Structure formats: structure tokens, C-alpha cells
Amino acid sequence: MFKRIAIFALLAILGVEAVAQNDSILVTNRDTIAYRYTPIELKQQNRRSGEGWRKFANYIIESGTDSSFERKVDMSFVPALYYSRSTSLGLAVMASGLYRLDKRNRNIPASNFSVYATASLTGFYRVGVKGCNIFKNDNQRIIYNAEFYSQPTYFWGVGYDAAVSNSSLRYLASRTIVDARFLQRVAKGLFVGVGADYNYHFGRFGGKRYASETELLARLDGERVKYNATGISLYVEFDTRDAIANPQRGVYIAVQGKVRPKGMNNIGATLWSANLVADYYQRLWRGAVLAFDLRGEWNSKGTPWVYNATIGGTQAMRGYYAGRFNDLCAITLQAELRQKIYKGFGAVAWGGAGNIFSSFGEFDWHETLPSYGVGLRYALRRGATIRLDYGFGGRDHRGKLIHGAVFSFNEAF
């Protein structure tokens, strides 16, 4: 385990990206230059080599700056090789940008967007786009997210007991998510708005690679493997962050109430849900930021397993397999210390806890799960960051420590 972390650190220093959920692979390139010796040509070659290193150094230096005031779009492009036991060798690419519709007001954050794609040898792939468009004087905001992915994954069951006691069943999950909302500022930092989303999930089973559908249905208590639903939401947000993708100071509180009408889904019932996100950011000493994140999700009875609240993944409770712990409700709390080290490079350490439950009456403090870990950061631009985290959790039914690496873009919260 320590050897893996050391490889990750060396990887960031050399500027060669490699990512993993549980394993890592190091990729290096060697250039060979053949030339005929002539003093003048050698001098020119050295000059060209020096210019290349200067350009690379300038890119590193400028990577932490916000150039959206001077450019129409401040772009960054990132390719990254990765390897993991679940997805094998793969490639991820992301193009991100900062832009401003209002270049006169320097007190509002820049608009941002990201376009990303990833694929691996196991057949896993994901494509998506997300962003936040901020209008003049930050009076309105449009926030959007759309992605499609297909991934061989695992299912343990619904609830805490199933996650810690059951063996895993492998199946192929395909999902399409489209989400957009419009926010109107009603006071300084305070927004209200409406939104809509579409969520489609389909699972494939059987054959040599996956468990049978009968095995999975036995754990679902009559639920299905294919669902689609459209939701309509109301939002209230309070936002004083200095930046959206990589904040260093400020407060962000978002409350969402959602209804999935019976006539707009194949579930056969009208469902509701509520979400809370509360974040706080405070600068400490030079280059250091302390961040807190509180999240809560509550779903009505009858919500299918594919729309349950979950723990794990790239944001809350890193280190847990995404979706292993799932139920109608979830609460997580985490604190993270972020330290800038040199130019665009940085490191983080975090600790937190989370709990899943079917209702407040079923909440059990003894089932609270720990989460802690460390990570590396590289800032491409002021609003775009590559992150590599290694998280640790509790122990499974075999007594083995739950742990794993996470590669993603921008901060976890």
C-alpha cells in the first residue's frame, strides 16, 4: 500500500499522470535525438531544447492563474492514463474552461465548463459535460450536467447489513443522467430556482462475466433492474464562495426538494426526495485552506434501489466502493485540509464519517462509517484541478480494511 502511494507521489512530481481505484501503473516516455556533430547545429539544438523547457516551466507557473479576464475562454486540456482492478488499463481526457460574460465585475466567480471522456479495456466508458454559466453581476445562473456511462460493477444489497455481510454480485450498469437548473439571485449571495432532471438505469446480467438476474432479483424484494424517471426540483442556495470549482473561502448552502410524478416515470408511484449540502471554506496559513462538507439525502418509501442515497465514490466517503452502502437516506460529514506545495502542486488530508438508514427511526450510531485519507493535487488553471486521493474506511465482513484510490477532476467539494 505504501509503495502505491509512493508511486503516486513520484508520478505527480514527474508530471506523468496515472490513476487508479485500487492499483496504479507508471508510464514514462523516452526521446532519442540523432544528429551529426556540428558546433553551430548543436548550439541551435540546445537552444531549442532550452526553449521547450522554458515553455513547459511557463505553463506550470501560469497554471494557477485565472486568465478569463484577458481571454474569451481560458482553456486547459488533460490526458491521463490509469489502471485499476475493476476497470483495468484505461485513458481519461478532459477539456475544461473558464470564461466571463461580465468582465467588469471582478467580485464574482468565473463561469466554468468541463467536457470529459474515459474508457478502459474491460469495456467501461463514460462521457459527459458539466458547467455553471454566470450572467452579468451574478444575477442569474444556469447549472447543468449530462453524462452517460456503462460500467461492470458490483451490488451487495440494500442497507447496512447487506453491505457488510453479503458477497458481491457483478453486473453491467448503464446509466444516462441529464440535469439542469436555473437560479435567480434575490439577495446578496442568495438564490432561488427551479430545475429538471432525467435519470435512466439499466442493468445487464448473466453469461460468464456477470451474476444471473435471478441472484440479483432475490436481493431486491420485488424491484426491477430497469428504471427511468423525470424529476422536477425547487432550489434555495446561499453562495459566497470566491470560486466554484476550487474555492478557498466562503460558504455554500444548497437545499433541494424534488418530486418524481407518477406519470413521468415507470416506477408506478409519485416519489419525493430532499437534499442538503453545506460547505465552509477558510484560509489558514499561507497556501492552506480548511474545508468542511455536510451532506444529507432523504428519499420517500418506495424509491427503487437505483435511486437510493449512497456512500462512496469521488466526493463523500472516498475509499468506499461507490454504491456498496446504499439506502433511502444518508448523512455524511467530512473535513479536509488543503495545502499548496509548489506552483500548481498541492496535497490534502481528510477525515469524516457517514451513515445510511431507511428512516430516522432506524438510524443507528453504531453503524456510522469512518473515512480518512490523503491526496495529491495539480492545478491546471485557477478553476481546474486534477486530484488523486487514497481513502480508507471501516472493515468488511471478512475483517479486511476497506480502501481505494480515486481519480477525478476538481475538488471533492
Foldseek 3Di string as FASTA:
>chain_A
DVVQVVVCVVCVVVVAAEAEWFHTDDDDDDDDDDDDDDVVVVVVVVVVVVVVVVVVVVLLQFLAADCQLVDQKDKDKDKHWYAYPFFGTKIKIKMKIWHAQASPDLQAATWMKMWMWMHGPVGKIKTWMWIKHAHPPSQKIKTWIWMKIKGFDWEQAAALCSLFPGDIWTKIKIKIKIKMKMWGDPDQQKIKTKIKMKIWIAIGADDPPGHHPVVVVVRFVPDDRTKIWMKIKIKIWGWNFSYDQAGAFTKIKMKMKIWTCCVGMPLNHIKIKIKIWIKGWYDDPPQKIKMKIKIKMAIDPSDGLVPWDWAEDLAHQDLADTSSHTERMKIKIKMKMWGADDRQKTKMKMKIKMDYDHDPVGGDPVSIKIKIWMKMWGRRYSNKIWIKIKMWMAAHNVRDTRITIHTDMTHSD
